[in-house]
Amino acid sequence: MDSQVLDDLIAEQQVLDDLVDGLDDAQWTTPTPAAGWSVCDQIAHLAMFDDVATTSLTGGGEARFAEIIAAVASGDAPFIDTPAGNTPGNEVLSAWRRARADQLAAFRRIESAARVPWGPNLMSAVSLCTARLMETWAHGLDCFTALGVAPVDTDRLRHVCHITYRAIPHALMESGISMPDTIDNLVVEVLSPSGALWRFGRVDAPNRIDGIAAEFARVGVRRMPLEHSALRARGPLAEVALSNLKAYL
C-alpha cells in the first residue's frame, strides 16, 4: 500500500479522534449538520464503514455489501437513520478505534493496485484508502461544526481534491447528465492550504476549474454550497462538473 496515502489517512483519523476524545454525554448527542445525526452518529457511521472496508480488503466485500443493500431495500437499516443507536459515545469511540486498527492492518497487507469491492463497483486499494480519508475528513467537518471548533485545513486535502476530480464522470452519471466532453479535457487548478498550486488534469485542457483547494474539497463532499465559494468554471464540461461535484458514491 502507498505509505503516503495511508499515513495521511491515519493523521486525518487522529485529528477527529482528538476532537471527540473526552466529550461528555451532552456533547456526544450534539446535533450535526447531517439531519438527524449527532456527533456520536457521525463516529458510529465511520466505525461501521471502516469495518466494511476491512471486510472488503480481506475478501468478503461482495457478501457484506449484499447484506447492506438488502437491509436498505427492506427498510431495516438503522445504520442510516440512527448509526449510534443507544450506544454511549465512549463505547462508539472505542469501536471506531478498533475498526481503524483492523482497517490499517488490512491496508498494510494489500497491494495498492489490488481491486476490491466498494458498493456496486470495484476500486483499487489505494483509491479505497483515499476514499476513507475523504469520508473521515467530511464527517469530521460535521463534528467540528457541531462542537463549535474551527477545523485546520492541511495539504492532506490534496487526496480529497484528487478523488473529487476523478469522481466527476460518476457524479454526472448519477445526476443523469451526459458528459459534454471527456475528463481528459478538464483541468482543475486550486491553491493548497500551504500555498502551492495543485493541478488535476492536463494544463492545456480547454475546460478549466480554478479556485481554492479547501473550497473545491468542501463542495465535493457537499459541505459547502457552490454559491458560497469563489470557484470558477470555464467551458461547458467545467460548468456542468462544478455544479454537480460529488466525491462519494
C-alpha atoms as a PDB file:
ATOM      1  CA  MET A   1       0.000   0.000   0.000  1.00  0.00           C
ATOM      2  CA  ASP A   2       1.117   3.549  -0.793  1.00  0.00           C
ATOM      3  CA  SER A   3       2.519   4.656   2.555  1.00  0.00           C
ATOM      4  CA  GLN A   4       1.840   8.379   1.972  1.00  0.00           C
ATOM      5  CA  VAL A   5      -1.897   7.910   1.468  1.00  0.00           C
ATOM      6  CA  LEU A   6      -2.097   5.542   4.419  1.00  0.00           C
ATOM      7  CA  ASP A   7      -0.078   7.868   6.666  1.00  0.00           C
ATOM      8  CA  ASP A   8      -2.369  10.740   5.708  1.00  0.00           C
ATOM      9  CA  LEU A   9      -5.457   8.646   6.457  1.00  0.00           C
ATOM     10  CA  ILE A  10      -4.081   7.835   9.897  1.00  0.00           C
ATOM     11  CA  ALA A  11      -3.327  11.512  10.522  1.00  0.00           C
ATOM     12  CA  GLU A  12      -6.825  12.588   9.457  1.00  0.00           C
ATOM     13  CA  GLN A  13      -8.410   9.985  11.708  1.00  0.00           C
ATOM     14  CA  GLN A  14      -6.295  11.167  14.635  1.00  0.00           C
ATOM     15  CA  VAL A  15      -7.417  14.770  14.159  1.00  0.00           C
ATOM     16  CA  LEU A  16     -11.034  13.674  14.549  1.00  0.00           C
ATOM     17  CA  ASP A  17     -10.184  11.313  17.407  1.00  0.00           C
ATOM     18  CA  ASP A  18      -8.510  14.200  19.254  1.00  0.00           C
ATOM     19  CA  LEU A  19     -11.624  16.324  18.748  1.00  0.00           C
ATOM     20  CA  VAL A  20     -14.083  13.821  20.223  1.00  0.00           C
ATOM     21  CA  ASP A  21     -11.881  12.190  22.862  1.00  0.00           C
ATOM     22  CA  GLY A  22     -13.168  13.197  26.280  1.00  0.00           C
ATOM     23  CA  LEU A  23     -16.544  14.572  25.175  1.00  0.00           C
ATOM     24  CA  ASP A  24     -19.274  14.436  27.789  1.00  0.00           C
ATOM     25  CA  ASP A  25     -22.693  12.877  27.166  1.00  0.00           C
ATOM     26  CA  ALA A  26     -24.266  16.165  26.129  1.00  0.00           C
ATOM     27  CA  GLN A  27     -21.522  16.866  23.609  1.00  0.00           C
ATOM     28  CA  TRP A  28     -21.802  13.390  22.099  1.00  0.00           C
ATOM     29  CA  THR A  29     -25.504  13.999  21.446  1.00  0.00           C
ATOM     30  CA  THR A  30     -24.968  17.438  19.880  1.00  0.00           C
ATOM     31  CA  PRO A  31     -26.784  17.652  16.511  1.00  0.00           C
ATOM     32  CA  THR A  32     -24.562  17.975  13.449  1.00  0.00           C
ATOM     33  CA  PRO A  33     -25.322  19.489  10.023  1.00  0.00           C
ATOM     34  CA  ALA A  34     -26.356  15.993   8.831  1.00  0.00           C
ATOM     35  CA  ALA A  35     -30.087  15.963   9.579  1.00  0.00           C
ATOM     36  CA  GLY A  36     -30.920  13.648  12.488  1.00  0.00           C
ATOM     37  CA  TRP A  37     -27.301  12.737  13.202  1.00  0.00           C
ATOM     38  CA  SER A  38     -25.446  13.579  16.399  1.00  0.00           C
ATOM     39  CA  VAL A  39     -21.680  13.665  16.840  1.00  0.00           C
ATOM     40  CA  CYS A  40     -21.998  10.105  18.133  1.00  0.00           C
ATOM     41  CA  ASP A  41     -23.825   9.043  14.973  1.00  0.00           C
ATOM     42  CA  GLN A  42     -21.052  10.511  12.816  1.00  0.00           C
ATOM     43  CA  ILE A  43     -18.391   8.450  14.587  1.00  0.00           C
ATOM     44  CA  ALA A  44     -20.580   5.321  14.547  1.00  0.00           C
ATOM     45  CA  HIS A  45     -21.006   5.731  10.778  1.00  0.00           C
ATOM     46  CA  LEU A  46     -17.241   5.928  10.292  1.00  0.00           C
ATOM     47  CA  ALA A  47     -16.729   2.896  12.544  1.00  0.00           C
ATOM     48  CA  MET A  48     -19.194   0.835  10.513  1.00  0.00           C
ATOM     49  CA  PHE A  49     -17.747   1.682   7.126  1.00  0.00           C
ATOM     50  CA  ASP A  50     -14.143   1.346   8.260  1.00  0.00           C
ATOM     51  CA  ASP A  51     -15.182  -2.157   9.307  1.00  0.00           C
ATOM     52  CA  VAL A  52     -16.858  -2.681   5.917  1.00  0.00           C
ATOM     53  CA  ALA A  53     -13.618  -1.560   4.245  1.00  0.00           C
ATOM     54  CA  THR A  54     -11.666  -4.138   6.237  1.00  0.00           C
ATOM     55  CA  THR A  55     -14.100  -6.835   5.132  1.00  0.00           C
ATOM     56  CA  SER A  56     -13.707  -5.739   1.516  1.00  0.00           C
ATOM     57  CA  LEU A  57      -9.919  -5.664   1.754  1.00  0.00           C
ATOM     58  CA  THR A  58      -9.863  -9.181   3.185  1.00  0.00           C
ATOM     59  CA  GLY A  59     -12.137 -10.879   0.657  1.00  0.00           C
ATOM     60  CA  GLY A  60     -15.676 -10.546   1.998  1.00  0.00           C
ATOM     61  CA  GLY A  61     -16.752  -7.313   0.349  1.00  0.00           C
ATOM     62  CA  GLU A  62     -19.344  -8.628  -2.087  1.00  0.00           C
ATOM     63  CA  ALA A  63     -21.264 -10.530   0.590  1.00  0.00           C
ATOM     64  CA  ARG A  64     -21.075  -7.602   3.024  1.00  0.00           C
ATOM     65  CA  PHE A  65     -22.422  -5.107   0.509  1.00  0.00           C
ATOM     66  CA  ALA A  66     -25.172  -7.544  -0.456  1.00  0.00           C
ATOM     67  CA  GLU A  67     -26.258  -7.542   3.200  1.00  0.00           C
ATOM     68  CA  ILE A  68     -26.191  -3.742   3.334  1.00  0.00           C
ATOM     69  CA  ILE A  69     -28.189  -3.390   0.116  1.00  0.00           C
ATOM     70  CA  ALA A  70     -30.747  -5.937   1.301  1.00  0.00           C
ATOM     71  CA  ALA A  71     -31.138  -4.113   4.614  1.00  0.00           C
ATOM     72  CA  VAL A  72     -31.697  -0.792   2.870  1.00  0.00           C
ATOM     73  CA  ALA A  73     -34.222  -2.351   0.467  1.00  0.00           C
ATOM     74  CA  SER A  74     -36.151  -3.913   3.356  1.00  0.00           C
ATOM     75  CA  GLY A  75     -36.264  -0.674   5.310  1.00  0.00           C
ATOM     76  CA  ASP A  76     -34.450  -2.335   8.209  1.00  0.00           C
ATOM     77  CA  ALA A  77     -31.317  -0.183   8.103  1.00  0.00           C
ATOM     78  CA  PRO A  78     -30.848   1.673  11.400  1.00  0.00           C
ATOM     79  CA  PHE A  79     -27.271   2.399  10.348  1.00  0.00           C
ATOM     80  CA  ILE A  80     -28.750   5.036   8.026  1.00  0.00           C
ATOM     81  CA  ASP A  81     -31.138   6.850  10.370  1.00  0.00           C
ATOM     82  CA  THR A  82     -29.508   6.317  13.773  1.00  0.00           C
ATOM     83  CA  PRO A  83     -26.000   4.865  13.321  1.00  0.00           C
ATOM     84  CA  ALA A  84     -25.124   5.003  17.026  1.00  0.00           C
ATOM     85  CA  GLY A  85     -28.477   3.806  18.325  1.00  0.00           C
ATOM     86  CA  ASN A  86     -28.397   3.991  22.121  1.00  0.00           C
ATOM     87  CA  THR A  87     -24.688   3.201  22.407  1.00  0.00           C
ATOM     88  CA  PRO A  88     -22.820   5.720  24.594  1.00  0.00           C
ATOM     89  CA  GLY A  89     -20.281   7.919  22.895  1.00  0.00           C
ATOM     90  CA  ASN A  90     -17.250   6.497  24.678  1.00  0.00           C
ATOM     91  CA  GLU A  91     -18.210   3.000  23.509  1.00  0.00           C
ATOM     92  CA  VAL A  92     -18.727   4.209  19.951  1.00  0.00           C
ATOM     93  CA  LEU A  93     -15.288   5.837  20.023  1.00  0.00           C
ATOM     94  CA  SER A  94     -13.722   2.586  21.262  1.00  0.00           C
ATOM     95  CA  ALA A  95     -15.463   0.704  18.449  1.00  0.00           C
ATOM     96  CA  TRP A  96     -14.133   3.204  15.896  1.00  0.00           C
ATOM     97  CA  ARG A  97     -10.601   2.816  17.227  1.00  0.00           C
ATOM     98  CA  ARG A  98     -10.824  -0.969  16.889  1.00  0.00           C
ATOM     99  CA  ALA A  99     -12.248  -0.671  13.371  1.00  0.00           C
ATOM    100  CA  ARG A 100      -9.447   1.718  12.398  1.00  0.00           C
ATOM    101  CA  ALA A 101      -6.776  -0.614  13.723  1.00  0.00           C
ATOM    102  CA  ASP A 102      -8.211  -3.564  11.804  1.00  0.00           C
ATOM    103  CA  GLN A 103      -8.519  -1.473   8.659  1.00  0.00           C
ATOM    104  CA  LEU A 104      -4.927  -0.251   8.972  1.00  0.00           C
ATOM    105  CA  ALA A 105      -3.666  -3.817   9.247  1.00  0.00           C
ATOM    106  CA  ALA A 106      -5.703  -4.810   6.174  1.00  0.00           C
ATOM    107  CA  PHE A 107      -4.377  -1.893   4.130  1.00  0.00           C
ATOM    108  CA  ARG A 108      -0.807  -2.760   5.085  1.00  0.00           C
ATOM    109  CA  ARG A 109      -1.239  -6.329   3.834  1.00  0.00           C
ATOM    110  CA  ILE A 110      -2.586  -5.490   0.376  1.00  0.00           C
ATOM    111  CA  GLU A 111      -1.003  -4.172  -2.807  1.00  0.00           C
ATOM    112  CA  SER A 112      -2.026  -0.645  -3.806  1.00  0.00           C
ATOM    113  CA  ALA A 113      -3.293  -1.784  -7.213  1.00  0.00           C
ATOM    114  CA  ALA A 114      -5.375  -4.715  -5.918  1.00  0.00           C
ATOM    115  CA  ARG A 115      -9.037  -4.193  -6.768  1.00  0.00           C
ATOM    116  CA  VAL A 116     -11.688  -4.679  -4.111  1.00  0.00           C
ATOM    117  CA  PRO A 117     -15.487  -4.231  -3.993  1.00  0.00           C
ATOM    118  CA  TRP A 118     -16.911  -0.919  -2.813  1.00  0.00           C
ATOM    119  CA  GLY A 119     -20.629  -0.507  -3.253  1.00  0.00           C
ATOM    120  CA  PRO A 120     -21.561  -1.617  -6.781  1.00  0.00           C
ATOM    121  CA  ASN A 121     -18.039  -1.000  -8.084  1.00  0.00           C
ATOM    122  CA  LEU A 122     -14.500  -2.290  -7.843  1.00  0.00           C
ATOM    123  CA  MET A 123     -11.754   0.127  -6.866  1.00  0.00           C
ATOM    124  CA  SER A 124      -8.063  -0.140  -6.199  1.00  0.00           C
ATOM    125  CA  ALA A 125      -6.978  -0.489  -2.592  1.00  0.00           C
ATOM    126  CA  VAL A 126      -5.158   2.845  -2.767  1.00  0.00           C
ATOM    127  CA  SER A 127      -8.326   4.510  -4.090  1.00  0.00           C
ATOM    128  CA  LEU A 128     -10.307   2.967  -1.232  1.00  0.00           C
ATOM    129  CA  CYS A 129      -7.737   4.344   1.202  1.00  0.00           C
ATOM    130  CA  THR A 130      -8.178   7.779  -0.371  1.00  0.00           C
ATOM    131  CA  ALA A 131     -11.956   7.401  -0.118  1.00  0.00           C
ATOM    132  CA  ARG A 132     -11.716   6.542   3.584  1.00  0.00           C
ATOM    133  CA  LEU A 133      -9.614   9.665   4.139  1.00  0.00           C
ATOM    134  CA  MET A 134     -12.166  11.744   2.232  1.00  0.00           C
ATOM    135  CA  GLU A 135     -15.051  10.385   4.280  1.00  0.00           C
ATOM    136  CA  THR A 136     -13.200  10.827   7.574  1.00  0.00           C
ATOM    137  CA  TRP A 137     -12.485  14.446   6.702  1.00  0.00           C
ATOM    138  CA  ALA A 138     -16.062  15.120   5.534  1.00  0.00           C
ATOM    139  CA  HIS A 139     -17.723  13.660   8.618  1.00  0.00           C
ATOM    140  CA  GLY A 140     -15.080  15.351  10.712  1.00  0.00           C
ATOM    141  CA  LEU A 141     -16.202  18.698   9.317  1.00  0.00           C
ATOM    142  CA  ASP A 142     -19.714  17.940  10.578  1.00  0.00           C
ATOM    143  CA  CYS A 143     -18.330  17.208  14.036  1.00  0.00           C
ATOM    144  CA  PHE A 144     -16.181  20.341  14.110  1.00  0.00           C
ATOM    145  CA  THR A 145     -19.194  22.443  13.129  1.00  0.00           C
ATOM    146  CA  ALA A 146     -21.417  20.834  15.752  1.00  0.00           C
ATOM    147  CA  LEU A 147     -18.883  21.384  18.521  1.00  0.00           C
ATOM    148  CA  GLY A 148     -18.084  24.954  17.505  1.00  0.00           C
ATOM    149  CA  VAL A 149     -14.425  24.261  16.773  1.00  0.00           C
ATOM    150  CA  ALA A 150     -12.726  25.629  13.661  1.00  0.00           C
ATOM    151  CA  PRO A 151     -11.012  22.875  11.624  1.00  0.00           C
ATOM    152  CA  VAL A 152      -7.482  23.417  10.358  1.00  0.00           C
ATOM    153  CA  ASP A 153      -7.040  22.687   6.664  1.00  0.00           C
ATOM    154  CA  THR A 154      -3.872  20.816   5.696  1.00  0.00           C
ATOM    155  CA  ASP A 155      -2.296  19.578   2.493  1.00  0.00           C
ATOM    156  CA  ARG A 156      -3.951  16.216   3.123  1.00  0.00           C
ATOM    157  CA  LEU A 157      -6.811  17.871   1.246  1.00  0.00           C
ATOM    158  CA  ARG A 158      -4.933  17.010  -1.937  1.00  0.00           C
ATOM    159  CA  HIS A 159      -6.390  13.498  -1.651  1.00  0.00           C
ATOM    160  CA  VAL A 160      -9.924  14.884  -1.309  1.00  0.00           C
ATOM    161  CA  CYS A 161      -9.440  17.174  -4.307  1.00  0.00           C
ATOM    162  CA  HIS A 162      -7.995  14.317  -6.350  1.00  0.00           C
ATOM    163  CA  ILE A 163     -10.878  11.946  -5.661  1.00  0.00           C
ATOM    164  CA  THR A 164     -13.387  14.740  -6.300  1.00  0.00           C
ATOM    165  CA  TYR A 165     -11.805  15.334  -9.710  1.00  0.00           C
ATOM    166  CA  ARG A 166     -11.662  11.637 -10.590  1.00  0.00           C
ATOM    167  CA  ALA A 167     -15.296  11.162  -9.500  1.00  0.00           C
ATOM    168  CA  ILE A 168     -16.663  13.799 -11.912  1.00  0.00           C
ATOM    169  CA  PRO A 169     -17.807  11.279 -14.588  1.00  0.00           C
ATOM    170  CA  HIS A 170     -19.608   9.218 -11.917  1.00  0.00           C
ATOM    171  CA  ALA A 171     -21.112  12.330 -10.328  1.00  0.00           C
ATOM    172  CA  LEU A 172     -22.552  13.449 -13.663  1.00  0.00           C
ATOM    173  CA  MET A 173     -23.852   9.962 -14.409  1.00  0.00           C
ATOM    174  CA  GLU A 174     -25.618   9.869 -11.023  1.00  0.00           C
ATOM    175  CA  SER A 175     -27.202  13.218 -11.840  1.00  0.00           C
ATOM    176  CA  GLY A 176     -28.410  11.926 -15.213  1.00  0.00           C
ATOM    177  CA  ILE A 177     -26.175  14.329 -17.114  1.00  0.00           C
ATOM    178  CA  SER A 178     -24.255  13.346 -20.248  1.00  0.00           C
ATOM    179  CA  MET A 179     -20.593  14.332 -20.273  1.00  0.00           C
ATOM    180  CA  PRO A 180     -20.251  17.155 -22.845  1.00  0.00           C
ATOM    181  CA  ASP A 181     -16.567  16.243 -23.182  1.00  0.00           C
ATOM    182  CA  THR A 182     -14.107  13.698 -21.768  1.00  0.00           C
ATOM    183  CA  ILE A 183     -12.497  14.155 -18.370  1.00  0.00           C
ATOM    184  CA  ASP A 184      -9.143  14.430 -20.182  1.00  0.00           C
ATOM    185  CA  ASN A 185     -10.346  17.799 -21.444  1.00  0.00           C
ATOM    186  CA  LEU A 186     -10.871  19.219 -17.948  1.00  0.00           C
ATOM    187  CA  VAL A 187      -8.170  20.639 -15.685  1.00  0.00           C
ATOM    188  CA  VAL A 188      -8.679  21.724 -12.088  1.00  0.00           C
ATOM    189  CA  GLU A 189      -6.151  24.159 -10.613  1.00  0.00           C
ATOM    190  CA  VAL A 190      -6.587  25.041  -6.940  1.00  0.00           C
ATOM    191  CA  LEU A 191      -4.466  26.741  -4.303  1.00  0.00           C
ATOM    192  CA  SER A 192      -3.465  24.419  -1.464  1.00  0.00           C
ATOM    193  CA  PRO A 193      -3.539  25.330   2.241  1.00  0.00           C
ATOM    194  CA  SER A 194       0.263  25.671   2.142  1.00  0.00           C
ATOM    195  CA  GLY A 195       0.120  27.996  -0.883  1.00  0.00           C
ATOM    196  CA  ALA A 196       1.170  25.524  -3.596  1.00  0.00           C
ATOM    197  CA  LEU A 197      -0.801  25.231  -6.808  1.00  0.00           C
ATOM    198  CA  TRP A 198      -2.347  21.804  -7.328  1.00  0.00           C
ATOM    199  CA  ARG A 199      -3.258  20.721 -10.835  1.00  0.00           C
ATOM    200  CA  PHE A 200      -5.500  17.789 -11.735  1.00  0.00           C
ATOM    201  CA  GLY A 201      -5.616  17.145 -15.466  1.00  0.00           C
ATOM    202  CA  ARG A 202      -3.519  18.499 -18.315  1.00  0.00           C
ATOM    203  CA  VAL A 203      -2.569  22.149 -18.237  1.00  0.00           C
ATOM    204  CA  ASP A 204      -3.818  22.876 -21.781  1.00  0.00           C
ATOM    205  CA  ALA A 205      -7.271  21.330 -21.302  1.00  0.00           C
ATOM    206  CA  PRO A 206      -9.999  23.506 -22.867  1.00  0.00           C
ATOM    207  CA  ASN A 207     -12.225  23.214 -19.772  1.00  0.00           C
ATOM    208  CA  ARG A 208     -10.953  24.672 -16.503  1.00  0.00           C
ATOM    209  CA  ILE A 209     -11.985  24.993 -12.847  1.00  0.00           C
ATOM    210  CA  ASP A 210      -9.959  27.408 -10.680  1.00  0.00           C
ATOM    211  CA  GLY A 211     -10.102  28.367  -7.035  1.00  0.00           C
ATOM    212  CA  ILE A 212      -9.122  27.366  -3.510  1.00  0.00           C
ATOM    213  CA  ALA A 213      -8.500  23.701  -2.683  1.00  0.00           C
ATOM    214  CA  ALA A 214     -10.371  23.899   0.626  1.00  0.00           C
ATOM    215  CA  GLU A 215     -13.476  25.144  -1.197  1.00  0.00           C
ATOM    216  CA  PHE A 216     -13.195  22.622  -4.024  1.00  0.00           C
ATOM    217  CA  ALA A 217     -12.926  19.828  -1.450  1.00  0.00           C
ATOM    218  CA  ARG A 218     -15.859  21.110   0.624  1.00  0.00           C
ATOM    219  CA  VAL A 219     -18.100  21.488  -2.416  1.00  0.00           C
ATOM    220  CA  GLY A 220     -17.014  17.998  -3.498  1.00  0.00           C
ATOM    221  CA  VAL A 221     -18.149  16.431  -0.226  1.00  0.00           C
ATOM    222  CA  ARG A 222     -21.312  18.564  -0.178  1.00  0.00           C
ATOM    223  CA  ARG A 223     -20.305  20.529   2.932  1.00  0.00           C
ATOM    224  CA  MET A 224     -20.303  23.916   1.186  1.00  0.00           C
ATOM    225  CA  PRO A 225     -22.880  25.281  -1.254  1.00  0.00           C
ATOM    226  CA  LEU A 226     -21.229  26.174  -4.541  1.00  0.00           C
ATOM    227  CA  GLU A 227     -22.589  29.718  -4.325  1.00  0.00           C
ATOM    228  CA  HIS A 228     -20.670  30.234  -1.077  1.00  0.00           C
ATOM    229  CA  SER A 229     -17.373  29.507  -2.823  1.00  0.00           C
ATOM    230  CA  ALA A 230     -15.210  31.537  -5.199  1.00  0.00           C
ATOM    231  CA  LEU A 231     -14.663  28.585  -7.546  1.00  0.00           C
ATOM    232  CA  ARG A 232     -14.742  29.494 -11.233  1.00  0.00           C
ATOM    233  CA  ALA A 233     -15.530  27.354 -14.283  1.00  0.00           C
ATOM    234  CA  ARG A 234     -14.652  27.925 -17.924  1.00  0.00           C
ATOM    235  CA  GLY A 235     -16.016  25.685 -20.656  1.00  0.00           C
ATOM    236  CA  PRO A 236     -19.164  23.530 -20.878  1.00  0.00           C
ATOM    237  CA  LEU A 237     -17.687  20.491 -19.129  1.00  0.00           C
ATOM    238  CA  ALA A 238     -16.207  22.614 -16.355  1.00  0.00           C
ATOM    239  CA  GLU A 239     -19.514  24.381 -15.769  1.00  0.00           C
ATOM    240  CA  VAL A 240     -21.607  21.231 -15.522  1.00  0.00           C
ATOM    241  CA  ALA A 241     -18.912  19.433 -13.488  1.00  0.00           C
ATOM    242  CA  LEU A 242     -18.623  22.243 -10.950  1.00  0.00           C
ATOM    243  CA  SER A 243     -22.397  22.357 -10.496  1.00  0.00           C
ATOM    244  CA  ASN A 244     -22.546  18.603  -9.784  1.00  0.00           C
ATOM    245  CA  LEU A 245     -19.365  17.792  -7.850  1.00  0.00           C
ATOM    246  CA  LYS A 246     -19.708  14.750  -5.602  1.00  0.00           C
ATOM    247  CA  ALA A 247     -16.707  12.887  -4.242  1.00  0.00           C
ATOM    248  CA  TYR A 248     -18.533   9.832  -2.868  1.00  0.00           C
ATOM    249  CA  LEU A 249     -20.840   7.074  -4.132  1.00  0.00           C
END
